Each structure stands twice: as C-alpha cells, then as structure tokens.
N, C-alpha and C. Protein backbone atom coordinates (compact mmCIF):
# COMPACT_ATOMS: atom_id res chain seq x y z
N MET A 1 -7.90 -4.16 4.87
CA MET A 1 -6.31 -3.58 4.79
C MET A 1 -6.35 -2.66 5.91
N ARG A 2 -5.41 -2.74 6.74
CA ARG A 2 -5.35 -1.89 7.75
C ARG A 2 -3.67 -1.16 7.50
N VAL A 3 -3.55 0.32 7.62
CA VAL A 3 -2.35 0.79 7.19
C VAL A 3 -1.87 1.61 8.54
N ALA A 4 -0.40 1.79 8.45
CA ALA A 4 0.03 2.86 9.32
C ALA A 4 1.02 3.61 8.93
N ASP A 5 1.24 4.80 9.52
CA ASP A 5 2.48 5.60 8.96
C ASP A 5 3.87 4.76 9.08
N LEU A 6 4.53 5.20 8.33
CA LEU A 6 5.80 4.43 7.94
C LEU A 6 6.71 5.45 8.95
N ASP A 7 6.71 5.14 10.13
CA ASP A 7 7.87 5.62 11.35
C ASP A 7 9.15 4.88 11.38
N ASP A 8 9.94 5.45 12.10
CA ASP A 8 11.25 5.02 12.34
C ASP A 8 11.27 3.52 12.62
N GLU A 9 10.49 3.10 13.45
CA GLU A 9 10.24 1.81 13.96
C GLU A 9 10.00 0.81 12.90
N ALA A 10 8.93 1.09 12.20
CA ALA A 10 8.51 0.41 11.12
C ALA A 10 9.69 0.23 10.04
N ARG A 11 10.12 1.29 9.60
CA ARG A 11 11.16 1.17 8.63
C ARG A 11 12.40 0.46 8.90
N GLU A 12 12.70 0.33 10.14
CA GLU A 12 13.97 -0.62 10.63
C GLU A 12 13.33 -2.02 10.56
N ALA A 13 11.98 -2.31 11.03
CA ALA A 13 11.60 -3.71 11.18
C ALA A 13 11.57 -4.17 9.86
N ILE A 14 11.04 -3.33 8.58
CA ILE A 14 11.00 -4.00 7.33
C ILE A 14 12.11 -3.57 6.47
N HIS A 15 13.21 -2.83 7.12
CA HIS A 15 14.57 -3.01 6.35
C HIS A 15 14.09 -1.83 5.04
N ALA A 16 13.31 -0.64 5.19
CA ALA A 16 13.02 0.14 4.36
C ALA A 16 13.99 1.27 4.33
N PRO A 17 14.43 1.48 2.95
CA PRO A 17 15.14 2.77 2.80
C PRO A 17 14.83 4.39 3.66
N ALA A 18 15.64 5.00 3.67
CA ALA A 18 15.33 6.11 4.63
C ALA A 18 14.52 7.04 3.58
N SER A 19 14.79 7.06 1.85
CA SER A 19 13.72 7.72 1.15
C SER A 19 12.49 7.41 0.98
N LEU A 20 12.37 6.16 1.40
CA LEU A 20 10.98 5.63 0.63
C LEU A 20 9.85 6.34 1.96
N LYS A 21 8.84 6.73 1.04
CA LYS A 21 7.74 7.46 1.76
C LYS A 21 6.48 6.54 1.28
N GLY A 22 5.35 6.68 2.14
CA GLY A 22 4.52 5.74 2.14
C GLY A 22 3.46 5.42 3.30
N ALA A 23 2.33 4.49 3.18
CA ALA A 23 1.89 3.82 4.52
C ALA A 23 2.28 2.40 4.59
N VAL A 24 2.53 2.13 5.47
CA VAL A 24 2.81 0.51 5.73
C VAL A 24 1.50 -0.49 6.11
N ILE A 25 1.45 -1.46 5.15
CA ILE A 25 0.48 -2.34 5.46
C ILE A 25 0.64 -3.37 6.82
N VAL A 26 -0.11 -3.03 7.69
CA VAL A 26 -0.10 -3.76 9.18
C VAL A 26 -1.11 -4.91 9.30
N GLU A 27 -2.08 -4.89 8.55
CA GLU A 27 -2.86 -6.02 8.54
C GLU A 27 -3.56 -6.24 7.37
N ILE A 28 -3.73 -7.16 6.68
CA ILE A 28 -4.43 -7.50 5.49
C ILE A 28 -5.18 -8.87 5.36
N ASP A 29 -6.06 -8.74 4.88
CA ASP A 29 -7.46 -10.15 4.96
C ASP A 29 -6.97 -10.87 3.56
N PRO A 30 -6.61 -12.22 3.93
CA PRO A 30 -6.07 -12.98 3.26
C PRO A 30 -7.20 -13.33 1.93
N ASP A 31 -8.57 -12.97 2.07
CA ASP A 31 -9.43 -13.20 1.06
C ASP A 31 -9.84 -12.01 0.38
N SER A 32 -9.01 -10.70 0.65
CA SER A 32 -9.26 -9.55 -0.25
C SER A 32 -8.45 -9.74 -1.44
N ASP A 33 -9.06 -8.68 -2.26
CA ASP A 33 -8.41 -8.45 -3.65
C ASP A 33 -6.90 -7.99 -3.65
N ALA A 34 -6.44 -7.25 -2.33
CA ALA A 34 -5.17 -6.78 -2.45
C ALA A 34 -4.48 -7.97 -1.95
N TYR A 35 -4.78 -9.09 -1.13
CA TYR A 35 -3.80 -10.12 -1.05
C TYR A 35 -3.76 -10.47 -2.25
N ARG A 36 -4.84 -11.28 -2.78
CA ARG A 36 -4.76 -11.88 -4.12
C ARG A 36 -3.94 -11.14 -5.37
N ALA A 37 -3.87 -9.90 -5.15
CA ALA A 37 -3.15 -9.07 -6.33
C ALA A 37 -1.53 -9.62 -5.80
N GLY A 38 -1.16 -9.86 -4.39
CA GLY A 38 0.09 -9.84 -4.26
C GLY A 38 0.38 -9.04 -3.25
N LEU A 39 -0.31 -7.91 -2.49
CA LEU A 39 0.03 -7.35 -1.38
C LEU A 39 0.08 -8.03 -0.13
N ARG A 40 1.08 -7.70 0.75
CA ARG A 40 1.37 -8.45 2.15
C ARG A 40 1.55 -7.57 3.34
N GLN A 41 1.53 -7.83 4.03
CA GLN A 41 1.78 -7.33 5.43
C GLN A 41 3.14 -6.86 5.42
N GLY A 42 3.54 -5.51 5.91
CA GLY A 42 4.89 -5.03 5.85
C GLY A 42 5.24 -4.31 4.39
N PHE A 43 4.58 -4.36 3.42
CA PHE A 43 4.75 -3.76 2.12
C PHE A 43 4.37 -2.18 2.56
N VAL A 44 4.84 -1.37 1.79
CA VAL A 44 4.57 0.05 2.04
C VAL A 44 4.23 0.71 0.64
N ILE A 45 2.77 1.34 0.95
CA ILE A 45 1.80 1.76 -0.42
C ILE A 45 2.69 3.26 -0.80
N GLU A 46 2.94 3.32 -1.77
CA GLU A 46 3.42 4.61 -2.47
C GLU A 46 2.80 5.41 -3.47
N GLU A 47 1.87 4.74 -3.92
CA GLU A 47 1.05 5.50 -4.89
C GLU A 47 -0.59 4.57 -4.75
N ILE A 48 -1.57 5.14 -4.81
CA ILE A 48 -3.21 4.65 -5.43
C ILE A 48 -3.40 5.35 -6.60
N ASP A 49 -3.95 4.80 -7.11
CA ASP A 49 -4.41 5.56 -8.55
C ASP A 49 -3.41 6.53 -8.96
N ARG A 50 -2.27 6.45 -8.85
CA ARG A 50 -1.49 7.15 -9.56
C ARG A 50 -1.05 8.47 -8.66
N LYS A 51 -1.63 8.51 -7.53
CA LYS A 51 -1.80 9.61 -6.55
C LYS A 51 -0.65 9.10 -5.57
N PRO A 52 0.34 10.27 -5.16
CA PRO A 52 1.32 9.74 -3.95
C PRO A 52 0.69 9.62 -2.78
N VAL A 53 1.18 8.60 -2.10
CA VAL A 53 0.80 8.21 -0.61
C VAL A 53 1.89 8.57 0.21
N LYS A 54 1.73 9.56 1.25
CA LYS A 54 2.76 10.05 2.24
C LYS A 54 2.33 9.57 3.46
N SER A 55 1.36 9.05 3.82
CA SER A 55 0.93 8.69 5.05
C SER A 55 -0.19 8.02 5.35
N ALA A 56 -0.62 7.25 6.32
CA ALA A 56 -1.83 6.40 6.34
C ALA A 56 -2.76 7.13 5.98
N ALA A 57 -3.00 8.49 6.44
CA ALA A 57 -4.24 9.19 6.19
C ALA A 57 -4.36 9.58 4.79
N ASP A 58 -3.20 9.73 3.82
CA ASP A 58 -3.41 9.63 2.61
C ASP A 58 -4.07 8.51 1.77
N ALA A 59 -3.37 7.39 2.22
CA ALA A 59 -3.97 6.36 1.92
C ALA A 59 -5.29 5.72 2.06
N MET A 60 -6.05 6.49 3.04
CA MET A 60 -7.39 6.10 3.48
C MET A 60 -8.06 7.05 2.80
N ARG A 61 -7.84 8.35 2.73
CA ARG A 61 -8.58 9.41 1.80
C ARG A 61 -8.45 9.07 0.31
N ILE A 62 -7.22 8.69 -0.17
CA ILE A 62 -7.22 8.36 -1.52
C ILE A 62 -8.13 6.92 -2.09
N GLY A 63 -7.73 5.94 -1.21
CA GLY A 63 -8.67 4.78 -1.16
C GLY A 63 -10.16 4.92 -1.22
N GLU A 64 -10.48 6.03 -0.08
CA GLU A 64 -11.76 5.95 -0.32
C GLU A 64 -12.71 6.67 -1.54
N GLY A 65 -11.75 7.43 -2.42
CA GLY A 65 -12.08 8.19 -3.48
C GLY A 65 -12.20 7.12 -4.56
N VAL A 66 -11.49 6.14 -4.96
CA VAL A 66 -11.60 5.15 -5.99
C VAL A 66 -12.76 4.65 -6.12
N LYS A 67 -13.28 4.43 -7.34
CA LYS A 67 -14.37 3.69 -8.04
C LYS A 67 -13.88 2.19 -7.76
N LYS A 68 -14.90 1.54 -7.13
CA LYS A 68 -14.93 0.44 -6.65
C LYS A 68 -15.17 -0.64 -8.00
N ASP A 69 -15.74 -0.25 -8.77
CA ASP A 69 -16.12 -1.17 -9.94
C ASP A 69 -15.15 -1.13 -11.29
N LYS A 70 -14.05 -0.44 -10.85
CA LYS A 70 -13.18 -0.18 -11.98
C LYS A 70 -11.79 -0.71 -11.18
N PRO A 71 -10.64 -1.13 -11.96
CA PRO A 71 -9.42 -1.62 -11.58
C PRO A 71 -8.61 -0.41 -10.95
N VAL A 72 -7.80 -0.45 -9.98
CA VAL A 72 -7.10 0.45 -9.01
C VAL A 72 -5.62 0.00 -9.46
N LEU A 73 -4.75 0.96 -9.83
CA LEU A 73 -3.43 0.43 -9.98
C LEU A 73 -2.59 1.03 -8.48
N MET A 74 -1.86 0.24 -7.80
CA MET A 74 -1.25 0.65 -6.89
C MET A 74 0.10 0.05 -6.77
N ARG A 75 0.79 1.25 -6.23
CA ARG A 75 2.42 0.93 -6.28
C ARG A 75 3.07 0.73 -4.79
N ALA A 76 3.64 -0.13 -4.63
CA ALA A 76 3.95 -0.68 -3.18
C ALA A 76 5.24 -1.06 -3.24
N TRP A 77 6.12 -0.96 -2.35
CA TRP A 77 7.56 -1.22 -1.97
C TRP A 77 7.47 -2.45 -1.31
N GLY A 78 7.95 -3.57 -1.49
CA GLY A 78 8.19 -4.94 -0.50
C GLY A 78 8.98 -5.75 -0.92
N GLY A 79 10.03 -6.57 0.09
CA GLY A 79 10.89 -7.20 -0.50
C GLY A 79 12.00 -6.56 -1.44
N GLY A 80 12.47 -5.21 -1.00
CA GLY A 80 13.81 -4.78 -1.44
C GLY A 80 13.14 -4.11 -2.72
N GLN A 81 11.84 -3.86 -3.22
CA GLN A 81 11.77 -3.24 -4.63
C GLN A 81 10.30 -2.90 -4.78
N SER A 82 9.92 -1.82 -5.34
CA SER A 82 8.78 -1.25 -5.88
C SER A 82 8.20 -1.84 -7.08
N ARG A 83 7.02 -2.17 -6.88
CA ARG A 83 6.26 -2.43 -8.21
C ARG A 83 4.85 -2.09 -8.09
N TYR A 84 3.94 -2.44 -9.09
CA TYR A 84 2.72 -2.12 -9.19
C TYR A 84 1.84 -3.50 -9.22
N PHE A 85 0.43 -3.23 -8.72
CA PHE A 85 -0.45 -4.11 -8.85
C PHE A 85 -1.74 -3.59 -9.00
N THR A 86 -2.55 -4.58 -9.62
CA THR A 86 -3.99 -4.12 -10.20
C THR A 86 -4.73 -4.76 -9.06
N LEU A 87 -5.65 -3.95 -8.51
CA LEU A 87 -7.00 -4.44 -7.46
C LEU A 87 -8.08 -4.09 -8.21
N GLY A 88 -8.94 -5.10 -7.69
CA GLY A 88 -10.70 -4.76 -8.12
C GLY A 88 -10.93 -4.87 -9.60
N GLY A 89 -11.84 -4.16 -9.89
CA GLY A 89 -12.44 -4.15 -11.57
C GLY A 89 -13.28 -5.29 -11.77
N LYS A 90 -14.63 -5.27 -11.22
CA LYS A 90 -15.06 -6.46 -11.33
C LYS A 90 -16.16 -5.97 -12.49
C-alpha cells in the first residue's frame, strides 16, 4: 500500500469533508490483506492500532511499529463514512 498526505487536491477528488484528517491511499495491491479487508484507493486512513494518523508519515511510522503476526485494527474513511477494518493476524 502506498499513502500520501491528504492535501486540498486529494480532498476535493474524493469529496472528503474539511474536518477529515489522515493519509489517503493512492495505491493498494489487490493481493494484500488490506485489500481483502475492504480498503481501497481513495480511502483515508484515520487510525492504525487505535493511534491517530494525521499524515502519510504518521501512517508509515505507526504501520512499521505493529506486530505482523497479530491482527491490526484500522479505521478509514471511504464512500462518505468511517469504518473499522481488521488486517493480518495469521
């Protein structure tokens, strides 16, 4: 998955509210756990492992710190609403 900062251009393209904070998904592998969980390009990651995400750098830092063998809870906005996704945990 590749993410970017939610700037004004991205916000307008995905019709995100001005109050939304996070990192926008700009690329996602269709064979990934994230894709299988329901995350898609254009979704905005708001939290990873219950830690707030305010930028692409936050998403990368928090994502690198999660344990790969345990499920990770992620909250993301997409399609006009926020919802939770569970990734990994094999």
